């Protein structure tokens, strides 16, 4: 059901579950911002900052793993 795009279509993977969990967290955060009454541009900035931060963290972790001897 949840698969990474680069894996052959076999069975659900842990990465797919992590992706689904991250999407759920972003939706809950977005809903919370709406309920708090924040402006739409503040919501977009907050969610964008979280996405950029997670991509930066992932890239740095992959870079460390790639250059580890």
PDB file of N, CA and C in Angstrom:
ATOM      1  N   UNK A   1       0.817  -1.176   0.000  1.00  0.00           N
ATOM      2  CA  UNK A   1       0.000   0.000   0.000  1.00  0.00           C
ATOM      3  C   UNK A   1       0.874   1.258   0.000  1.00  0.00           C
ATOM      4  N   UNK A   2       1.759   1.391   0.983  1.00  0.00           N
ATOM      5  CA  UNK A   2       2.675   2.525   1.017  1.00  0.00           C
ATOM      6  C   UNK A   2       4.033   2.046   0.550  1.00  0.00           C
ATOM      7  N   UNK A   3       4.507   2.570  -0.569  1.00  0.00           N
ATOM      8  CA  UNK A   3       5.789   2.141  -1.102  1.00  0.00           C
ATOM      9  C   UNK A   3       6.600   3.359  -1.523  1.00  0.00           C
ATOM     10  N   UNK A   4       7.898   3.196  -1.539  1.00  0.00           N
ATOM     11  CA  UNK A   4       8.764   4.210  -2.111  1.00  0.00           C
ATOM     12  C   UNK A   4       8.755   4.044  -3.618  1.00  0.00           C
ATOM     13  N   UNK A   5       8.993   5.115  -4.344  1.00  0.00           N
ATOM     14  CA  UNK A   5       8.922   5.060  -5.800  1.00  0.00           C
ATOM     15  C   UNK A   5      10.070   4.239  -6.394  1.00  0.00           C
ATOM     16  N   UNK A   6      11.178   4.153  -5.708  1.00  0.00           N
ATOM     17  CA  UNK A   6      12.334   3.465  -6.280  1.00  0.00           C
ATOM     18  C   UNK A   6      12.408   1.993  -5.903  1.00  0.00           C
ATOM     19  N   UNK A   7      11.483   1.504  -5.114  1.00  0.00           N
ATOM     20  CA  UNK A   7      11.468   0.094  -4.753  1.00  0.00           C
ATOM     21  C   UNK A   7      10.538  -0.676  -5.692  1.00  0.00           C
ATOM     22  N   UNK A   8      10.853  -1.927  -5.974  1.00  0.00           N
ATOM     23  CA  UNK A   8       9.949  -2.706  -6.809  1.00  0.00           C
ATOM     24  C   UNK A   8       8.622  -2.943  -6.080  1.00  0.00           C
ATOM     25  N   UNK A   9       7.540  -3.065  -6.821  1.00  0.00           N
ATOM     26  CA  UNK A   9       6.237  -3.225  -6.168  1.00  0.00           C
ATOM     27  C   UNK A   9       6.087  -4.596  -5.515  1.00  0.00           C
ATOM     28  N   UNK A  10       6.374  -4.680  -4.247  1.00  0.00           N
ATOM     29  CA  UNK A  10       6.282  -5.955  -3.544  1.00  0.00           C
ATOM     30  C   UNK A  10       5.283  -5.864  -2.400  1.00  0.00           C
ATOM     31  N   UNK A  11       5.663  -5.293  -1.309  1.00  0.00           N
ATOM     32  CA  UNK A  11       4.802  -5.194  -0.146  1.00  0.00           C
ATOM     33  C   UNK A  11       5.057  -3.859   0.548  1.00  0.00           C
ATOM     34  N   UNK A  12       4.210  -3.491   1.500  1.00  0.00           N
ATOM     35  CA  UNK A  12       4.432  -2.226   2.215  1.00  0.00           C
ATOM     36  C   UNK A  12       5.794  -2.208   2.915  1.00  0.00           C
ATOM     37  N   UNK A  13       6.403  -1.039   2.944  1.00  0.00           N
ATOM     38  CA  UNK A  13       7.718  -0.896   3.556  1.00  0.00           C
ATOM     39  C   UNK A  13       7.648   0.058   4.739  1.00  0.00           C
ATOM     40  N   UNK A  14       8.699   0.053   5.523  1.00  0.00           N
ATOM     41  CA  UNK A  14       8.774   0.969   6.670  1.00  0.00           C
ATOM     42  C   UNK A  14       8.858   2.415   6.194  1.00  0.00           C
ATOM     43  N   UNK A  15       9.549   2.642   5.083  1.00  0.00           N
ATOM     44  CA  UNK A  15       9.665   4.010   4.568  1.00  0.00           C
ATOM     45  C   UNK A  15       8.308   4.549   4.155  1.00  0.00           C
ATOM     46  N   UNK A  16       7.469   3.709   3.603  1.00  0.00           N
ATOM     47  CA  UNK A  16       6.127   4.138   3.244  1.00  0.00           C
ATOM     48  C   UNK A  16       5.303   4.501   4.464  1.00  0.00           C
ATOM     49  N   UNK A  17       5.469   3.756   5.532  1.00  0.00           N
ATOM     50  CA  UNK A  17       4.754   4.058   6.773  1.00  0.00           C
ATOM     51  C   UNK A  17       5.248   5.365   7.368  1.00  0.00           C
ATOM     52  N   UNK A  18       6.544   5.617   7.284  1.00  0.00           N
ATOM     53  CA  UNK A  18       7.105   6.872   7.784  1.00  0.00           C
ATOM     54  C   UNK A  18       6.583   8.040   6.963  1.00  0.00           C
ATOM     55  N   UNK A  19       6.492   7.860   5.654  1.00  0.00           N
ATOM     56  CA  UNK A  19       5.970   8.909   4.787  1.00  0.00           C
ATOM     57  C   UNK A  19       4.512   9.198   5.118  1.00  0.00           C
ATOM     58  N   UNK A  20       3.731   8.153   5.328  1.00  0.00           N
ATOM     59  CA  UNK A  20       2.322   8.345   5.679  1.00  0.00           C
ATOM     60  C   UNK A  20       2.197   9.056   7.028  1.00  0.00           C
ATOM     61  N   UNK A  21       3.035   8.703   7.986  1.00  0.00           N
ATOM     62  CA  UNK A  21       3.013   9.356   9.294  1.00  0.00           C
ATOM     63  C   UNK A  21       3.379  10.833   9.166  1.00  0.00           C
ATOM     64  N   UNK A  22       4.383  11.138   8.337  1.00  0.00           N
ATOM     65  CA  UNK A  22       4.797  12.533   8.151  1.00  0.00           C
ATOM     66  C   UNK A  22       3.678  13.343   7.493  1.00  0.00           C
ATOM     67  N   UNK A  23       2.995  12.749   6.522  1.00  0.00           N
ATOM     68  CA  UNK A  23       1.870  13.442   5.891  1.00  0.00           C
ATOM     69  C   UNK A  23       0.758  13.691   6.897  1.00  0.00           C
ATOM     70  N   UNK A  24       0.510  12.730   7.764  1.00  0.00           N
ATOM     71  CA  UNK A  24      -0.513  12.892   8.797  1.00  0.00           C
ATOM     72  C   UNK A  24      -0.138  14.014   9.768  1.00  0.00           C
ATOM     73  N   UNK A  25       1.124  14.066  10.149  1.00  0.00           N
ATOM     74  CA  UNK A  25       1.579  15.120  11.062  1.00  0.00           C
ATOM     75  C   UNK A  25       1.418  16.498  10.423  1.00  0.00           C
ATOM     76  N   UNK A  26       1.760  16.615   9.141  1.00  0.00           N
ATOM     77  CA  UNK A  26       1.611  17.901   8.459  1.00  0.00           C
ATOM     78  C   UNK A  26       0.150  18.318   8.366  1.00  0.00           C
ATOM     79  N   UNK A  27      -0.742  17.374   8.113  1.00  0.00           N
ATOM     80  CA  UNK A  27      -2.163  17.708   8.039  1.00  0.00           C
ATOM     81  C   UNK A  27      -2.712  18.117   9.409  1.00  0.00           C
ATOM     82  N   UNK A  28      -2.282  17.425  10.466  1.00  0.00           N
ATOM     83  CA  UNK A  28      -2.728  17.781  11.810  1.00  0.00           C
ATOM     84  C   UNK A  28      -2.205  19.165  12.187  1.00  0.00           C
ATOM     85  N   UNK A  29      -0.964  19.448  11.839  1.00  0.00           N
ATOM     86  CA  UNK A  29      -0.401  20.768  12.123  1.00  0.00           C
ATOM     87  C   UNK A  29      -1.142  21.847  11.346  1.00  0.00           C
ATOM     88  N   UNK A  30      -1.421  21.582  10.079  1.00  0.00           N
ATOM     89  CA  UNK A  30      -2.175  22.546   9.270  1.00  0.00           C
ATOM     90  C   UNK A  30      -3.565  22.789   9.830  1.00  0.00           C
ATOM     91  N   UNK A  31      -4.226  21.721  10.268  1.00  0.00           N
ATOM     92  CA  UNK A  31      -5.554  21.870  10.859  1.00  0.00           C
ATOM     93  C   UNK A  31      -5.477  22.654  12.165  1.00  0.00           C
ATOM     94  N   UNK A  32      -4.449  22.402  12.956  1.00  0.00           N
ATOM     95  CA  UNK A  32      -4.284  23.153  14.196  1.00  0.00           C
ATOM     96  C   UNK A  32      -4.065  24.638  13.945  1.00  0.00           C
ATOM     97  N   UNK A  33      -3.302  24.956  12.904  1.00  0.00           N
ATOM     98  CA  UNK A  33      -3.087  26.367  12.570  1.00  0.00           C
ATOM     99  C   UNK A  33      -4.383  27.023  12.119  1.00  0.00           C
ATOM    100  N   UNK A  34      -5.211  26.271  11.388  1.00  0.00           N
ATOM    101  CA  UNK A  34      -6.506  26.815  10.970  1.00  0.00           C
ATOM    102  C   UNK A  34      -7.385  27.070  12.186  1.00  0.00           C
ATOM    103  N   UNK A  35      -7.412  26.112  13.111  1.00  0.00           N
ATOM    104  CA  UNK A  35      -8.242  26.265  14.302  1.00  0.00           C
ATOM    105  C   UNK A  35      -7.765  27.408  15.197  1.00  0.00           C
ATOM    106  N   UNK A  36      -6.462  27.704  15.157  1.00  0.00           N
ATOM    107  CA  UNK A  36      -5.937  28.819  15.941  1.00  0.00           C
ATOM    108  C   UNK A  36      -6.251  30.158  15.289  1.00  0.00           C
ATOM    109  N   UNK A  37      -6.685  30.124  14.035  1.00  0.00           N
ATOM    110  CA  UNK A  37      -7.062  31.358  13.356  1.00  0.00           C
ATOM    111  C   UNK A  37      -5.905  32.092  12.709  1.00  0.00           C
ATOM    112  N   UNK A  38      -4.830  31.396  12.398  1.00  0.00           N
ATOM    113  CA  UNK A  38      -3.695  32.053  11.746  1.00  0.00           C
ATOM    114  C   UNK A  38      -4.014  32.335  10.284  1.00  0.00           C
ATOM    115  N   UNK A  39      -3.336  33.301   9.725  1.00  0.00           N
ATOM    116  CA  UNK A  39      -3.538  33.668   8.327  1.00  0.00           C
ATOM    117  C   UNK A  39      -3.022  32.571   7.422  1.00  0.00           C
ATOM    118  N   UNK A  40      -3.540  32.524   6.199  1.00  0.00           N
ATOM    119  CA  UNK A  40      -3.138  31.470   5.268  1.00  0.00           C
ATOM    120  C   UNK A  40      -1.665  31.546   4.921  1.00  0.00           C
ATOM    121  N   UNK A  41      -1.107  32.759   4.840  1.00  0.00           N
ATOM    122  CA  UNK A  41       0.305  32.865   4.485  1.00  0.00           C
ATOM    123  C   UNK A  41       1.205  32.422   5.642  1.00  0.00           C
ATOM    124  N   UNK A  42       0.767  32.588   6.865  1.00  0.00           N
ATOM    125  CA  UNK A  42       1.534  32.105   8.011  1.00  0.00           C
ATOM    126  C   UNK A  42       1.519  30.582   8.030  1.00  0.00           C
ATOM    127  N   UNK A  43       0.370  29.989   7.694  1.00  0.00           N
ATOM    128  CA  UNK A  43       0.271  28.536   7.611  1.00  0.00           C
ATOM    129  C   UNK A  43       1.215  27.998   6.540  1.00  0.00           C
ATOM    130  N   UNK A  44       1.217  28.639   5.378  1.00  0.00           N
ATOM    131  CA  UNK A  44       2.104  28.197   4.297  1.00  0.00           C
ATOM    132  C   UNK A  44       3.568  28.329   4.685  1.00  0.00           C
ATOM    133  N   UNK A  45       3.917  29.424   5.374  1.00  0.00           N
ATOM    134  CA  UNK A  45       5.307  29.605   5.794  1.00  0.00           C
ATOM    135  C   UNK A  45       5.714  28.564   6.824  1.00  0.00           C
ATOM    136  N   UNK A  46       4.834  28.263   7.775  1.00  0.00           N
ATOM    137  CA  UNK A  46       5.155  27.284   8.809  1.00  0.00           C
ATOM    138  C   UNK A  46       5.326  25.889   8.204  1.00  0.00           C
ATOM    139  N   UNK A  47       4.394  25.473   7.363  1.00  0.00           N
ATOM    140  CA  UNK A  47       4.502  24.151   6.753  1.00  0.00           C
ATOM    141  C   UNK A  47       5.693  24.072   5.798  1.00  0.00           C
ATOM    142  N   UNK A  48       5.959  25.147   5.075  1.00  0.00           N
ATOM    143  CA  UNK A  48       7.122  25.178   4.184  1.00  0.00           C
ATOM    144  C   UNK A  48       8.430  25.088   4.960  1.00  0.00           C
ATOM    145  N   UNK A  49       8.504  25.766   6.096  1.00  0.00           N
ATOM    146  CA  UNK A  49       9.714  25.701   6.917  1.00  0.00           C
ATOM    147  C   UNK A  49       9.932  24.291   7.447  1.00  0.00           C
ATOM    148  N   UNK A  50       8.857  23.611   7.818  1.00  0.00           N
ATOM    149  CA  UNK A  50       8.980  22.234   8.304  1.00  0.00           C
ATOM    150  C   UNK A  50       9.449  21.316   7.194  1.00  0.00           C
ATOM    151  N   UNK A  51       8.907  21.478   5.999  1.00  0.00           N
ATOM    152  CA  UNK A  51       9.315  20.644   4.865  1.00  0.00           C
ATOM    153  C   UNK A  51      10.769  20.896   4.502  1.00  0.00           C
ATOM    154  N   UNK A  52      11.163  22.159   4.433  1.00  0.00           N
ATOM    155  CA  UNK A  52      12.558  22.487   4.107  1.00  0.00           C
ATOM    156  C   UNK A  52      13.497  21.940   5.182  1.00  0.00           C
ATOM    157  N   UNK A  53      13.115  22.068   6.444  1.00  0.00           N
ATOM    158  CA  UNK A  53      13.941  21.533   7.527  1.00  0.00           C
ATOM    159  C   UNK A  53      14.082  20.027   7.466  1.00  0.00           C
ATOM    160  N   UNK A  54      12.997  19.329   7.151  1.00  0.00           N
ATOM    161  CA  UNK A  54      13.082  17.868   7.079  1.00  0.00           C
ATOM    162  C   UNK A  54      13.900  17.407   5.888  1.00  0.00           C
ATOM    163  N   UNK A  55      13.801  18.107   4.760  1.00  0.00           N
ATOM    164  CA  UNK A  55      14.624  17.761   3.607  1.00  0.00           C
ATOM    165  C   UNK A  55      16.094  18.038   3.892  1.00  0.00           C
ATOM    166  N   UNK A  56      16.387  19.143   4.559  1.00  0.00           N
ATOM    167  CA  UNK A  56      17.777  19.451   4.915  1.00  0.00           C
ATOM    168  C   UNK A  56      18.336  18.409   5.873  1.00  0.00           C
ATOM    169  N   UNK A  57      17.533  17.996   6.850  1.00  0.00           N
ATOM    170  CA  UNK A  57      17.979  16.966   7.790  1.00  0.00           C
ATOM    171  C   UNK A  57      18.228  15.649   7.070  1.00  0.00           C
ATOM    172  N   UNK A  58      17.329  15.290   6.175  1.00  0.00           N
ATOM    173  CA  UNK A  58      17.472  14.040   5.437  1.00  0.00           C
ATOM    174  C   UNK A  58      18.713  14.077   4.538  1.00  0.00           C
ATOM    175  N   UNK A  59      18.931  15.209   3.877  1.00  0.00           N
ATOM    176  CA  UNK A  59      20.093  15.324   2.998  1.00  0.00           C
ATOM    177  C   UNK A  59      21.390  15.263   3.795  1.00  0.00           C
ATOM    178  N   UNK A  60      21.419  15.884   4.959  1.00  0.00           N
ATOM    179  CA  UNK A  60      22.649  15.837   5.755  1.00  0.00           C
ATOM    180  C   UNK A  60      22.894  14.433   6.296  1.00  0.00           C
ATOM    181  N   UNK A  61      21.834  13.724   6.653  1.00  0.00           N
ATOM    182  CA  UNK A  61      21.995  12.351   7.136  1.00  0.00           C
ATOM    183  C   UNK A  61      22.488  11.447   6.015  1.00  0.00           C
ATOM    184  N   UNK A  62      21.960  11.629   4.809  1.00  0.00           N
ATOM    185  CA  UNK A  62      22.414  10.824   3.676  1.00  0.00           C
ATOM    186  C   UNK A  62      23.851  11.158   3.299  1.00  0.00           C
ATOM    187  N   UNK A  63      24.216  12.436   3.403  1.00  0.00           N
ATOM    188  CA  UNK A  63      25.582  12.833   3.086  1.00  0.00           C
ATOM    189  C   UNK A  63      26.569  12.234   4.083  1.00  0.00           C
ATOM    190  N   UNK A  64      26.202  12.245   5.368  1.00  0.00           N
ATOM    191  CA  UNK A  64      27.068  11.646   6.380  1.00  0.00           C
ATOM    192  C   UNK A  64      27.217  10.150   6.151  1.00  0.00           C
ATOM    193  N   UNK A  65      26.129   9.481   5.773  1.00  0.00           N
ATOM    194  CA  UNK A  65      26.174   8.051   5.536  1.00  0.00           C
ATOM    195  C   UNK A  65      26.988   7.728   4.282  1.00  0.00           C
ATOM    196  N   UNK A  66      26.912   8.588   3.277  1.00  0.00           N
ATOM    197  CA  UNK A  66      27.620   8.330   2.022  1.00  0.00           C
ATOM    198  C   UNK A  66      29.136   8.481   2.192  1.00  0.00           C
ATOM    199  N   UNK A  67      29.553   9.432   3.023  1.00  0.00           N
ATOM    200  CA  UNK A  67      30.986   9.685   3.171  1.00  0.00           C
ATOM    201  C   UNK A  67      31.591   9.007   4.386  1.00  0.00           C
ATOM    202  N   UNK A  68      30.831   8.180   5.060  1.00  0.00           N
ATOM    203  CA  UNK A  68      31.363   7.462   6.209  1.00  0.00           C
ATOM    204  C   UNK A  68      32.268   6.337   5.718  1.00  0.00           C
ATOM    205  N   UNK A  69      33.442   6.266   6.288  1.00  0.00           N
ATOM    206  CA  UNK A  69      34.414   5.254   5.829  1.00  0.00           C
ATOM    207  C   UNK A  69      34.462   4.114   6.801  1.00  0.00           C
TER     208      UNK A  69
END
